[in-house]
Amino acid sequence: MTYLPTSVRFLLMLLAVMLVTPGLGSPAQGVGSAAQGIASDAVTGGFAAEPPRYVLDAVTDDSGVLTAQERESLEDAIRDLREARGIDLYVVYTRTFDSWDGQAWAEETFSRAGLGEGDVLLAVAVESRRYGYMEQTELSAEDVTSVMTRDVQPHLRDGEWAQAGVAAAEGLDVRFPWLLFGGIWAGVLGVVGGGWGWVWRWDRRSRRKRESTLLAERQTLAGRVVRLDEQLDALRQEQAFAEADLSRGDVERLRNQTQEAARHADDLHRHLAEVPSEPGRRPPVTAQFRTAERALRSAEESADYAQFIIDAELERLRDARQLRGEPTLLDDQAQALADAQVRATDLRSLTDASSAQRPLWLQQRLLALAGSAGTRLESSQEALERARPLATSQPGNAGAFWRRSRENLAEALADLDRLADPDGVERAALVPVDEGRERLRGVIEEAERLLAKRPRLIRSSRAVRERDRWRSLDIAPWEQALARATQGITHEPDRDISPEDRLESLGQLAATLHQLNLPWTNLERRIAAARRSRSSSSGSSSGGGGGGSSSSSGGGRF
């Protein structure tokens, strides 16, 4: 018997461990995708029916099993997956799948919600304890199946709903586990060659790129810290001179607001200290990225609050000092108000005289503009009257009322400018209608394309074993919806119908026709996927064929 040296036997043992360890395979190659769910019996008992969905958020919790903290944790994991791999994961928690099995429910929802390449849907029926998923990515079917059976199912069995979704997100982010096996696998890679080297380099580059983004955001916030500290120092210095220009109440307000801004600035410093200021020897891992991103978001909020307070107080000081130096500014404001009121009266008379020539909805809109301008002029006048008696005794409050008067006057003048151009008001109101008409035209073109292609789709539906179903499907409602949509495009509506009502009508026509397009769009996609699958399986068993993505499905129970 021939005995191998100890070092060779050790390396062979490591190779054997690598080959049998779950989840350590290479990322998907070529065309690979999977959709899998459990085959469920018809749901009985008191469960509410939950048909497949048309609209999905990243996390949809119809069953109410997630806490706010669990939802946030799951959304963070989904965002990490999207940034790292470009994969969008959608997780749906519902009570039951009604009479659907998990696989069919996931496939139908995937189609209805308009999901496609690069998307993954995980659906969980928490009361009937079934789940299903559908994906169309470049991941291999084996990788996705492994994630669902090894990572997701144990959490579902234990009723750990949020952890199941997080496990799916982290499992789909196929990465080589260097933190656990770094030293061992480095030696193995040195023996077996560079096959795994690109995986390590890709993962490291990905995390370094994400780290660079965080460092750039931190650098931006650090610049804001410097400017905020300078402004806070200026605000503190103002307190020493404020007693000469402001009343005691104004000085006390300035002191309190300065302390509040300083508190937010301290929070900014604390949160920013939680984020590294330069790259580490090793790129951060997922948990470190999440901690740093939360700290950056909190730091940004603190900076915004501090900036708002500082800007408001500095403006208040400037206005107070300006009024004390130029008391006639209140007289100038009064004259500007009087001129605006004369203009408003003239425009109202002109609008009333020409109202009969304009559509009813435009008349109402112009009247609303005139009313808005009048209200703002009254508010401006009221603020000015409150500023006058305070100009000497409480310049800080007088300056605040003076600013309010100017702001209301500026808004009133903007309303009057629009009132003076009724044709411009009409054009602006009809812009959304034109956009809605264009969207409907796109849906009509898609329906016409699918109708023309329908005979060919029916012939090709043998590829998905549904030819009889599509041949017998009644298309009369589809054709009727297309006719109504076409009429909605070509028919000129009553001029008195408001733009909002026109837009709603166009939207309803587009939504109805789109829903009738969807089954045929889905059939077209499934036929293409079946053809790619056959082409891939007949080409090379190694899976190294052309790029792109496809989908498949299976069954199971947790």
Protein backbone atom coordinates (compact mmCIF):
# COMPACT_ATOMS: atom_id res chain seq x y z
CA MET A 1 0.00 0.00 0.00
CA THR A 2 1.31 3.46 -0.93
CA TYR A 3 1.14 6.14 1.76
CA LEU A 4 0.83 9.80 0.85
CA PRO A 5 2.76 12.49 2.70
CA THR A 6 0.85 14.12 5.57
CA SER A 7 0.71 17.56 3.87
CA VAL A 8 -0.83 16.08 0.71
CA ARG A 9 -3.40 14.12 2.68
CA PHE A 10 -4.32 17.30 4.60
CA LEU A 11 -4.87 19.27 1.39
CA LEU A 12 -6.96 16.46 -0.13
CA MET A 13 -9.10 16.43 3.00
CA LEU A 14 -9.68 20.19 2.70
CA LEU A 15 -10.67 19.76 -0.95
CA ALA A 16 -13.20 17.11 0.05
CA VAL A 17 -14.67 19.45 2.69
CA MET A 18 -14.96 22.22 0.11
CA LEU A 19 -16.82 19.99 -2.31
CA VAL A 20 -19.40 18.76 0.21
CA THR A 21 -19.92 21.92 2.26
CA PRO A 22 -23.35 23.45 1.38
CA GLY A 23 -23.51 26.96 0.00
CA LEU A 24 -19.81 27.21 -0.87
CA GLY A 25 -20.27 26.63 -4.58
CA SER A 26 -19.33 29.22 -7.07
CA PRO A 27 -21.81 31.91 -8.11
CA ALA A 28 -24.19 30.98 -10.87
CA GLN A 29 -22.76 30.56 -14.34
CA GLY A 30 -24.56 31.16 -17.61
CA VAL A 31 -28.30 30.90 -17.62
CA GLY A 32 -29.70 29.81 -14.24
CA SER A 33 -32.88 30.63 -12.40
CA ALA A 34 -35.43 28.91 -10.27
CA ALA A 35 -38.90 29.28 -8.91
CA GLN A 36 -40.01 26.95 -6.18
CA GLY A 37 -42.90 26.68 -3.76
CA ILE A 38 -44.77 24.11 -1.87
CA ALA A 39 -47.57 22.20 -3.43
CA SER A 40 -50.49 22.87 -1.10
CA ASP A 41 -53.90 21.30 -0.87
CA ALA A 42 -57.01 23.45 -1.16
CA VAL A 43 -57.19 25.63 1.93
CA THR A 44 -60.08 24.85 4.23
CA GLY A 45 -61.35 26.12 7.56
CA GLY A 46 -61.86 29.77 8.47
CA PHE A 47 -58.96 31.27 6.50
CA ALA A 48 -59.68 34.36 4.42
CA ALA A 49 -59.06 34.02 0.70
CA GLU A 50 -55.83 35.73 -0.42
CA PRO A 51 -55.65 35.81 -4.23
CA PRO A 52 -52.39 36.65 -6.02
CA ARG A 53 -51.37 40.31 -5.82
CA TYR A 54 -51.11 42.97 -8.53
CA VAL A 55 -49.03 45.47 -6.53
CA LEU A 56 -46.06 44.67 -4.29
CA ASP A 57 -43.82 46.62 -1.94
CA ALA A 58 -40.42 45.25 -1.00
CA VAL A 59 -42.10 43.94 2.17
CA THR A 60 -45.85 43.25 2.12
CA ASP A 61 -47.26 42.08 5.46
CA ASP A 62 -50.97 41.39 4.96
CA SER A 63 -50.97 38.99 7.91
CA GLY A 64 -49.54 41.48 10.41
CA VAL A 65 -46.80 39.19 11.75
CA LEU A 66 -43.93 41.72 11.58
CA THR A 67 -43.09 44.35 14.16
CA ALA A 68 -41.81 47.75 13.00
CA GLN A 69 -38.26 46.78 14.01
CA GLU A 70 -38.47 43.45 12.16
CA ARG A 71 -39.75 45.19 9.01
CA GLU A 72 -36.88 47.68 9.15
CA SER A 73 -34.34 44.87 9.56
CA LEU A 74 -35.80 42.98 6.61
CA GLU A 75 -35.89 46.11 4.42
CA ASP A 76 -32.22 46.76 5.26
CA ALA A 77 -31.30 43.21 4.18
CA ILE A 78 -33.25 43.64 0.92
CA ARG A 79 -31.51 46.95 0.24
CA ASP A 80 -28.10 45.34 0.88
CA LEU A 81 -28.94 42.57 -1.62
CA ARG A 82 -29.99 45.11 -4.26
CA GLU A 83 -26.82 47.19 -3.82
CA ALA A 84 -24.49 44.17 -3.74
CA ARG A 85 -25.97 41.99 -6.51
CA GLY A 86 -28.54 44.10 -8.38
CA ILE A 87 -31.27 41.63 -7.29
CA ASP A 88 -34.66 42.96 -6.12
CA LEU A 89 -36.24 40.69 -3.49
CA TYR A 90 -39.95 41.01 -2.69
CA VAL A 91 -41.28 39.27 0.44
CA VAL A 92 -45.04 38.78 0.96
CA TYR A 93 -46.59 37.52 4.19
CA THR A 94 -50.22 36.52 3.74
CA ARG A 95 -52.62 34.39 5.76
CA THR A 96 -53.29 31.72 3.14
CA PHE A 97 -52.96 31.09 -0.57
CA ASP A 98 -56.67 30.17 -0.77
CA SER A 99 -57.05 27.30 -3.26
CA TRP A 100 -53.71 28.03 -4.94
CA ASP A 101 -50.55 26.09 -4.19
CA GLY A 102 -47.49 28.07 -3.18
CA GLN A 103 -45.75 27.64 -6.51
CA ALA A 104 -48.74 28.78 -8.58
CA TRP A 105 -49.51 31.69 -6.20
CA ALA A 106 -45.92 32.94 -6.45
CA GLU A 107 -45.83 32.55 -10.25
CA GLU A 108 -49.14 34.35 -10.74
CA THR A 109 -48.22 37.20 -8.37
CA PHE A 110 -44.81 37.50 -10.05
CA SER A 111 -46.59 37.97 -13.38
CA ARG A 112 -49.41 40.24 -12.17
CA ALA A 113 -47.04 42.54 -10.30
CA GLY A 114 -44.97 43.01 -13.46
CA LEU A 115 -41.82 41.48 -11.99
CA GLY A 116 -39.18 40.18 -14.36
CA GLU A 117 -35.47 39.78 -14.87
CA GLY A 118 -33.43 40.43 -11.74
CA ASP A 119 -36.44 39.95 -9.41
CA VAL A 120 -37.14 37.35 -6.73
CA LEU A 121 -40.52 36.86 -4.99
CA LEU A 122 -40.84 34.93 -1.70
CA ALA A 123 -44.46 34.38 -0.58
CA VAL A 124 -45.31 32.94 2.85
CA ALA A 125 -48.80 31.80 3.97
CA VAL A 126 -48.34 31.98 7.73
CA GLU A 127 -51.58 30.26 8.82
CA SER A 128 -51.59 27.43 6.30
CA ARG A 129 -47.78 27.09 6.77
CA ARG A 130 -46.93 27.05 3.10
CA TYR A 131 -44.61 29.10 1.01
CA GLY A 132 -43.68 29.61 -2.60
CA TYR A 133 -41.12 31.56 -4.53
CA MET A 134 -40.39 32.65 -8.07
CA GLU A 135 -37.19 34.12 -9.40
CA GLN A 136 -35.78 35.23 -12.72
CA THR A 137 -32.10 35.92 -12.15
CA GLU A 138 -28.71 34.69 -13.25
CA LEU A 139 -28.42 32.55 -10.12
CA SER A 140 -28.46 28.82 -10.71
CA ALA A 141 -31.50 26.77 -9.74
CA GLU A 142 -29.29 24.73 -7.38
CA ASP A 143 -28.09 27.86 -5.53
CA VAL A 144 -31.61 29.22 -5.03
CA THR A 145 -33.01 25.84 -3.97
CA SER A 146 -30.18 25.52 -1.45
CA VAL A 147 -30.95 28.96 0.00
CA MET A 148 -34.64 28.17 0.42
CA THR A 149 -34.23 24.70 1.92
CA ARG A 150 -31.13 25.34 4.02
CA ASP A 151 -31.59 28.98 5.12
CA VAL A 152 -35.26 29.93 4.84
CA GLN A 153 -37.25 26.81 5.79
CA PRO A 154 -35.82 26.39 9.33
CA HIS A 155 -36.92 29.93 10.26
CA LEU A 156 -40.37 29.36 8.75
CA ARG A 157 -40.80 26.16 10.76
CA ASP A 158 -39.97 28.05 13.96
CA GLY A 159 -42.35 30.92 13.10
CA GLU A 160 -39.44 33.35 12.71
CA TRP A 161 -41.02 35.22 9.81
CA ALA A 162 -38.71 38.23 9.57
CA GLN A 163 -35.59 36.07 10.01
CA ALA A 164 -36.76 33.90 7.12
CA GLY A 165 -36.88 36.93 4.82
CA VAL A 166 -33.48 38.16 6.03
CA ALA A 167 -32.04 34.66 5.47
CA ALA A 168 -33.38 34.71 1.90
CA ALA A 169 -31.78 38.10 1.21
CA GLU A 170 -28.44 37.12 2.71
CA GLY A 171 -28.48 33.68 1.07
CA LEU A 172 -29.17 35.11 -2.38
CA ASP A 173 -26.17 37.40 -1.94
CA VAL A 174 -23.88 34.49 -2.83
CA ARG A 175 -20.56 35.33 -1.32
CA PHE A 176 -17.51 33.37 -0.34
CA PRO A 177 -17.33 33.15 3.53
CA TRP A 178 -13.82 34.43 4.05
CA LEU A 179 -14.44 35.59 7.61
CA LEU A 180 -15.03 31.99 8.70
CA PHE A 181 -12.78 30.01 6.39
CA GLY A 182 -10.23 32.66 5.32
CA GLY A 183 -7.02 31.06 6.51
CA ILE A 184 -7.95 27.49 5.52
CA TRP A 185 -9.36 28.32 2.10
CA ALA A 186 -6.44 30.59 1.24
CA GLY A 187 -4.18 27.55 1.47
CA VAL A 188 -6.61 25.42 -0.53
CA LEU A 189 -6.86 28.05 -3.26
CA GLY A 190 -3.11 28.14 -3.51
CA VAL A 191 -3.18 24.41 -4.38
CA VAL A 192 -6.23 24.14 -6.59
CA GLY A 193 -5.33 27.19 -8.66
CA GLY A 194 -7.02 30.49 -9.39
CA GLY A 195 -10.53 29.12 -9.90
CA TRP A 196 -11.74 30.74 -6.73
CA GLY A 197 -9.50 33.75 -6.94
CA TRP A 198 -11.90 35.81 -9.03
CA VAL A 199 -14.68 35.16 -6.48
CA TRP A 200 -12.58 36.61 -3.69
CA ARG A 201 -11.51 39.57 -5.80
CA TRP A 202 -15.07 40.27 -6.95
CA ASP A 203 -16.41 40.17 -3.39
CA ARG A 204 -13.60 42.35 -2.09
CA ARG A 205 -14.03 44.92 -4.88
CA SER A 206 -17.78 45.01 -4.25
CA ARG A 207 -17.36 45.69 -0.56
CA ARG A 208 -14.56 48.18 -1.15
CA LYS A 209 -16.79 50.09 -3.57
CA ARG A 210 -19.59 50.18 -1.00
CA GLU A 211 -17.08 51.27 1.64
CA SER A 212 -15.89 54.10 -0.64
CA THR A 213 -19.47 55.33 -1.00
CA LEU A 214 -19.88 55.41 2.79
CA LEU A 215 -16.58 57.23 3.24
CA ALA A 216 -17.59 59.84 0.64
CA GLU A 217 -20.90 60.42 2.45
CA ARG A 218 -19.05 60.72 5.74
CA GLN A 219 -16.65 63.22 4.18
CA THR A 220 -19.58 65.34 2.99
CA LEU A 221 -21.12 65.31 6.47
CA ALA A 222 -17.75 66.14 8.01
CA GLY A 223 -17.69 69.26 5.85
CA ARG A 224 -21.15 70.19 7.14
CA VAL A 225 -19.88 69.70 10.71
CA VAL A 226 -17.16 72.32 10.16
CA ARG A 227 -19.63 74.83 8.72
CA LEU A 228 -22.20 74.18 11.47
CA ASP A 229 -19.60 74.63 14.20
CA GLU A 230 -18.57 77.95 12.66
CA GLN A 231 -22.21 79.10 12.47
CA LEU A 232 -22.84 77.99 16.05
CA ASP A 233 -19.84 80.03 17.21
CA ALA A 234 -21.21 83.04 15.32
CA LEU A 235 -24.62 82.52 16.95
CA ARG A 236 -23.03 82.36 20.42
CA GLN A 237 -21.12 85.56 19.72
CA GLU A 238 -24.36 87.23 18.68
CA GLN A 239 -25.69 86.68 22.20
CA ALA A 240 -23.07 89.08 23.55
CA PHE A 241 -24.28 91.88 21.26
CA ALA A 242 -27.98 90.97 21.18
CA GLU A 243 -28.88 92.88 24.36
CA ALA A 244 -28.07 96.15 22.64
CA ASP A 245 -30.34 95.41 19.67
CA LEU A 246 -33.04 93.10 21.03
CA SER A 247 -35.43 92.93 23.93
CA ARG A 248 -34.91 90.65 26.94
CA GLY A 249 -37.43 88.17 25.55
CA ASP A 250 -35.64 88.11 22.21
CA VAL A 251 -32.31 87.48 23.96
CA GLU A 252 -33.77 84.61 25.98
CA ARG A 253 -35.23 83.04 22.83
CA LEU A 254 -31.87 83.31 21.06
CA ARG A 255 -30.13 81.62 24.00
CA ASN A 256 -32.63 78.73 24.06
CA GLN A 257 -32.49 78.19 20.31
CA THR A 258 -28.70 78.26 20.36
CA GLN A 259 -28.68 75.54 23.02
CA GLU A 260 -31.11 73.44 20.96
CA ALA A 261 -28.92 73.78 17.85
CA ALA A 262 -25.86 72.85 19.90
CA ARG A 263 -27.61 69.72 21.16
CA HIS A 264 -28.30 68.58 17.60
CA ALA A 265 -24.71 69.41 16.65
CA ASP A 266 -23.46 67.21 19.51
CA ASP A 267 -25.68 64.37 18.21
CA LEU A 268 -24.13 64.91 14.78
CA HIS A 269 -20.61 64.56 16.22
CA ARG A 270 -21.59 61.42 18.15
CA HIS A 271 -23.18 59.67 15.16
CA LEU A 272 -20.33 60.65 12.85
CA ALA A 273 -17.81 59.13 15.27
CA GLU A 274 -19.51 55.74 14.77
CA VAL A 275 -18.46 55.73 11.08
CA PRO A 276 -14.79 55.01 10.21
CA SER A 277 -13.03 57.96 8.59
CA GLU A 278 -10.69 55.90 6.38
CA PRO A 279 -10.59 52.43 4.81
CA GLY A 280 -9.72 49.52 7.08
CA ARG A 281 -7.30 46.74 6.36
CA ARG A 282 -10.26 44.55 5.42
CA PRO A 283 -13.54 45.65 3.83
CA PRO A 284 -16.48 45.81 6.27
CA VAL A 285 -18.99 42.95 6.47
CA THR A 286 -22.76 43.31 6.11
CA ALA A 287 -23.47 44.03 9.80
CA GLN A 288 -20.80 46.74 9.87
CA PHE A 289 -22.23 48.34 6.73
CA ARG A 290 -25.71 48.46 8.30
CA THR A 291 -24.40 50.05 11.50
CA ALA A 292 -22.47 52.68 9.55
CA GLU A 293 -25.40 53.48 7.25
CA ARG A 294 -27.79 53.94 10.21
CA ALA A 295 -25.26 56.21 11.90
CA LEU A 296 -24.91 58.30 8.73
CA ARG A 297 -28.69 58.67 8.40
CA SER A 298 -28.97 59.79 12.04
CA ALA A 299 -26.05 62.20 11.59
CA GLU A 300 -27.71 63.72 8.51
CA GLU A 301 -30.98 64.25 10.39
CA SER A 302 -29.15 65.95 13.27
CA ALA A 303 -27.30 68.20 10.80
CA ASP A 304 -30.58 69.19 9.11
CA TYR A 305 -32.23 70.08 12.43
CA ALA A 306 -29.25 72.12 13.60
CA GLN A 307 -29.00 73.94 10.25
CA PHE A 308 -32.71 74.81 10.29
CA ILE A 309 -32.49 76.36 13.76
CA ILE A 310 -29.31 78.30 13.00
CA ASP A 311 -30.64 79.69 9.72
CA ALA A 312 -33.93 80.76 11.33
CA GLU A 313 -32.22 82.57 14.20
CA LEU A 314 -29.66 84.31 11.99
CA GLU A 315 -32.45 85.52 9.69
CA ARG A 316 -34.38 86.76 12.72
CA LEU A 317 -31.34 88.72 13.93
CA ARG A 318 -30.72 90.23 10.47
CA ASP A 319 -34.34 91.33 10.12
CA ALA A 320 -34.38 92.86 13.62
CA ARG A 321 -31.22 94.86 13.03
CA GLN A 322 -32.33 95.95 9.58
CA LEU A 323 -35.60 97.29 11.00
CA ARG A 324 -33.84 99.15 13.80
CA GLY A 325 -31.49 100.76 11.28
CA GLU A 326 -34.19 101.55 8.67
CA PRO A 327 -37.62 102.06 10.29
CA THR A 328 -39.02 103.24 6.92
CA LEU A 329 -38.86 99.65 5.63
CA LEU A 330 -42.31 99.05 7.15
CA ASP A 331 -43.64 102.04 5.18
CA ASP A 332 -42.13 100.59 1.99
CA GLN A 333 -43.87 97.29 2.71
CA ALA A 334 -47.18 99.09 3.23
CA GLN A 335 -46.86 100.82 -0.15
CA ALA A 336 -46.04 97.52 -1.92
CA LEU A 337 -49.13 96.00 -0.31
CA ALA A 338 -51.34 98.85 -1.48
CA ASP A 339 -50.05 98.50 -5.07
CA ALA A 340 -50.70 94.75 -5.01
CA GLN A 341 -54.26 95.25 -3.74
CA VAL A 342 -55.00 97.68 -6.61
CA ARG A 343 -53.63 95.16 -9.12
CA ALA A 344 -55.70 92.37 -7.57
CA THR A 345 -58.89 94.43 -7.93
CA ASP A 346 -58.14 95.19 -11.60
CA LEU A 347 -57.42 91.53 -12.41
CA ARG A 348 -60.62 90.34 -10.71
CA SER A 349 -62.64 92.73 -12.87
CA LEU A 350 -60.86 91.55 -16.03
CA THR A 351 -61.38 87.89 -15.09
CA ASP A 352 -65.10 88.43 -14.46
CA ALA A 353 -65.51 90.15 -17.82
CA SER A 354 -63.90 87.29 -19.81
CA SER A 355 -65.17 84.33 -17.79
CA ALA A 356 -67.98 83.42 -20.22
CA GLN A 357 -65.44 82.70 -22.96
CA ARG A 358 -63.54 80.11 -20.90
CA PRO A 359 -64.31 76.50 -19.83
CA LEU A 360 -66.12 76.14 -16.53
CA TRP A 361 -63.20 74.41 -14.81
CA LEU A 362 -60.82 77.21 -15.89
CA GLN A 363 -63.23 79.84 -14.57
CA GLN A 364 -63.23 78.05 -11.21
CA ARG A 365 -59.44 77.83 -11.21
CA LEU A 366 -59.04 81.54 -11.93
CA LEU A 367 -61.53 82.40 -9.21
CA ALA A 368 -59.53 80.20 -6.81
CA LEU A 369 -56.34 82.06 -7.76
CA ALA A 370 -58.01 85.40 -7.14
CA GLY A 371 -59.28 84.16 -3.77
CA SER A 372 -55.84 82.83 -2.81
CA ALA A 373 -54.18 86.13 -3.73
CA GLY A 374 -56.73 88.03 -1.68
CA THR A 375 -56.23 85.81 1.39
CA ARG A 376 -52.47 86.18 1.23
CA LEU A 377 -52.70 89.93 0.87
CA GLU A 378 -54.88 90.03 3.98
CA SER A 379 -52.35 87.88 5.87
CA SER A 380 -49.54 90.17 4.73
CA GLN A 381 -51.47 93.23 5.90
CA GLU A 382 -52.20 91.63 9.28
CA ALA A 383 -48.54 90.71 9.84
CA LEU A 384 -47.45 94.23 8.90
CA GLU A 385 -49.89 95.76 11.38
CA ARG A 386 -48.54 93.50 14.13
CA ALA A 387 -44.94 94.46 13.28
CA ARG A 388 -45.42 98.25 13.57
CA PRO A 389 -46.02 98.60 17.34
CA LEU A 390 -43.20 96.14 18.11
CA ALA A 391 -40.52 97.79 15.98
CA THR A 392 -39.04 99.71 18.94
CA SER A 393 -39.80 97.58 22.00
CA GLN A 394 -39.40 94.05 20.53
CA PRO A 395 -37.37 94.29 17.33
CA GLY A 396 -36.92 90.49 17.14
CA ASN A 397 -40.66 89.84 17.02
CA ALA A 398 -41.18 92.86 14.74
CA GLY A 399 -38.63 91.44 12.31
CA ALA A 400 -40.39 88.05 12.35
CA PHE A 401 -43.76 89.65 11.50
CA TRP A 402 -42.13 91.81 8.83
CA ARG A 403 -40.65 88.68 7.20
CA ARG A 404 -44.06 86.96 7.35
CA SER A 405 -45.64 89.98 5.67
CA ARG A 406 -43.06 89.92 2.88
CA GLU A 407 -43.44 86.16 2.32
CA ASN A 408 -47.24 86.41 2.06
CA LEU A 409 -46.93 89.36 -0.31
CA ALA A 410 -44.52 87.41 -2.56
CA GLU A 411 -46.94 84.46 -2.72
CA ALA A 412 -49.85 86.80 -3.49
CA LEU A 413 -47.90 88.42 -6.33
CA ALA A 414 -47.13 84.96 -7.78
CA ASP A 415 -50.89 84.18 -7.75
CA LEU A 416 -51.62 87.49 -9.46
CA ASP A 417 -49.01 86.79 -12.15
CA ARG A 418 -50.76 83.49 -12.92
CA LEU A 419 -54.16 85.20 -12.86
CA ALA A 420 -52.91 87.67 -15.47
CA ASP A 421 -52.11 84.77 -17.86
CA PRO A 422 -55.21 82.52 -18.00
CA ASP A 423 -53.96 80.80 -21.17
CA GLY A 424 -50.82 79.79 -19.30
CA VAL A 425 -52.96 78.40 -16.45
CA GLU A 426 -54.92 76.33 -18.95
CA ARG A 427 -51.77 74.97 -20.65
CA ALA A 428 -50.18 74.01 -17.33
CA ALA A 429 -53.35 72.21 -16.18
CA LEU A 430 -53.50 70.14 -19.38
CA VAL A 431 -49.88 68.91 -19.25
CA PRO A 432 -50.73 65.88 -17.05
CA VAL A 433 -53.61 65.04 -19.40
CA ASP A 434 -51.24 64.94 -22.37
CA GLU A 435 -48.88 62.68 -20.40
CA GLY A 436 -51.79 60.38 -19.50
CA ARG A 437 -52.81 60.21 -23.13
CA GLU A 438 -49.28 59.17 -24.10
CA ARG A 439 -49.28 56.42 -21.46
CA LEU A 440 -52.60 55.13 -22.77
CA ARG A 441 -51.25 55.20 -26.33
CA GLY A 442 -48.39 52.95 -25.23
CA VAL A 443 -50.82 50.43 -23.67
CA ILE A 444 -52.91 50.48 -26.87
CA GLU A 445 -49.85 49.75 -29.00
CA GLU A 446 -48.97 46.80 -26.77
CA ALA A 447 -52.52 45.43 -27.02
CA GLU A 448 -52.50 45.74 -30.83
CA ARG A 449 -49.14 43.96 -30.97
CA LEU A 450 -50.35 41.09 -28.78
CA LEU A 451 -53.63 40.73 -30.69
CA ALA A 452 -51.76 40.51 -33.98
CA LYS A 453 -49.41 37.95 -32.47
CA ARG A 454 -52.20 35.97 -30.75
CA PRO A 455 -52.52 33.13 -33.33
CA ARG A 456 -48.77 32.51 -33.15
CA LEU A 457 -48.86 32.59 -29.34
CA ILE A 458 -51.66 30.01 -29.28
CA ARG A 459 -49.68 27.71 -31.56
CA SER A 460 -46.57 28.14 -29.42
CA SER A 461 -48.46 27.58 -26.14
CA ARG A 462 -47.81 23.87 -26.58
CA ALA A 463 -44.42 24.63 -25.09
CA VAL A 464 -46.11 25.29 -21.73
CA ARG A 465 -48.82 22.60 -22.21
CA GLU A 466 -51.71 25.12 -22.22
CA ARG A 467 -52.79 25.26 -25.83
CA ASP A 468 -56.44 24.32 -25.18
CA ARG A 469 -56.77 26.97 -22.49
CA TRP A 470 -55.55 29.83 -24.68
CA ARG A 471 -57.43 28.65 -27.75
CA SER A 472 -60.77 28.74 -25.85
CA LEU A 473 -60.12 32.03 -24.05
CA ASP A 474 -62.77 34.66 -24.87
CA ILE A 475 -61.04 37.77 -26.20
CA ALA A 476 -64.19 39.86 -26.69
CA PRO A 477 -63.68 41.85 -23.45
CA TRP A 478 -60.10 42.50 -24.52
CA GLU A 479 -61.16 43.81 -27.94
CA GLN A 480 -63.91 45.93 -26.37
CA ALA A 481 -61.45 47.48 -23.90
CA LEU A 482 -59.09 48.23 -26.79
CA ALA A 483 -61.90 49.93 -28.71
CA ARG A 484 -62.84 52.05 -25.68
CA ALA A 485 -59.21 53.01 -25.11
CA THR A 486 -58.77 53.98 -28.76
CA GLN A 487 -61.90 56.11 -28.57
CA GLY A 488 -60.55 57.74 -25.40
CA ILE A 489 -57.46 58.80 -27.36
CA THR A 490 -59.23 60.11 -30.45
CA HIS A 491 -62.42 61.55 -28.91
CA GLU A 492 -62.28 65.20 -27.88
CA PRO A 493 -63.97 65.52 -24.45
CA ASP A 494 -66.40 68.23 -23.39
CA ARG A 495 -64.39 71.43 -22.78
CA ASP A 496 -66.03 71.86 -19.36
CA ILE A 497 -64.66 68.51 -18.07
CA SER A 498 -61.81 69.25 -15.68
CA PRO A 499 -58.25 68.04 -16.41
CA GLU A 500 -58.38 65.90 -13.26
CA ASP A 501 -61.49 64.06 -14.48
CA ARG A 502 -59.96 63.60 -17.95
CA LEU A 503 -56.77 62.19 -16.42
CA GLU A 504 -58.72 59.81 -14.20
CA SER A 505 -60.72 58.56 -17.19
CA LEU A 506 -57.55 57.96 -19.23
CA GLY A 507 -55.98 56.18 -16.27
CA GLN A 508 -58.95 53.85 -15.88
CA LEU A 509 -58.89 52.98 -19.58
CA ALA A 510 -55.15 52.28 -19.42
CA ALA A 511 -55.44 50.16 -16.25
CA THR A 512 -58.29 48.05 -17.65
CA LEU A 513 -56.53 47.38 -20.94
CA HIS A 514 -53.23 46.67 -19.20
CA GLN A 515 -54.85 43.99 -17.00
CA LEU A 516 -56.26 42.32 -20.11
CA ASN A 517 -52.84 42.51 -21.80
CA LEU A 518 -51.10 40.89 -18.85
CA PRO A 519 -52.09 37.22 -19.40
CA TRP A 520 -50.82 37.34 -22.98
CA THR A 521 -47.67 39.18 -22.00
CA ASN A 522 -47.06 36.53 -19.36
CA LEU A 523 -47.70 33.74 -21.88
CA GLU A 524 -45.22 35.32 -24.28
CA ARG A 525 -42.61 35.46 -21.52
CA ARG A 526 -43.22 31.87 -20.42
CA ILE A 527 -42.94 30.58 -23.99
CA ALA A 528 -39.63 32.41 -24.41
CA ALA A 529 -38.39 30.98 -21.09
CA ALA A 530 -39.40 27.45 -22.10
CA ARG A 531 -37.54 27.80 -25.39
CA ARG A 532 -34.42 29.07 -23.64
CA SER A 533 -34.64 26.21 -21.18
CA ARG A 534 -34.88 23.63 -23.96
CA SER A 535 -32.05 25.29 -25.84
CA SER A 536 -29.88 25.30 -22.73
CA SER A 537 -30.59 21.68 -21.85
CA SER A 538 -29.93 20.49 -25.42
CA GLY A 539 -26.78 22.54 -25.76
CA SER A 540 -24.30 21.78 -22.99
CA SER A 541 -24.83 19.96 -19.72
CA SER A 542 -22.18 22.14 -18.09
CA GLY A 543 -24.49 25.16 -18.09
CA GLY A 544 -21.96 27.39 -19.76
CA GLY A 545 -24.21 28.51 -22.60
CA GLY A 546 -25.49 31.99 -23.40
CA GLY A 547 -26.26 34.69 -20.86
CA GLY A 548 -29.58 35.99 -19.63
CA SER A 549 -32.02 34.53 -17.13
CA SER A 550 -34.89 32.05 -17.04
CA SER A 551 -37.27 30.60 -14.49
CA SER A 552 -38.47 27.25 -13.18
CA SER A 553 -40.65 26.03 -10.32
CA GLY A 554 -41.06 23.15 -7.87
CA GLY A 555 -42.80 22.22 -4.63
CA GLY A 556 -42.34 21.64 -0.87
CA ARG A 557 -43.80 22.32 2.62
CA PHE A 558 -42.46 23.76 5.87
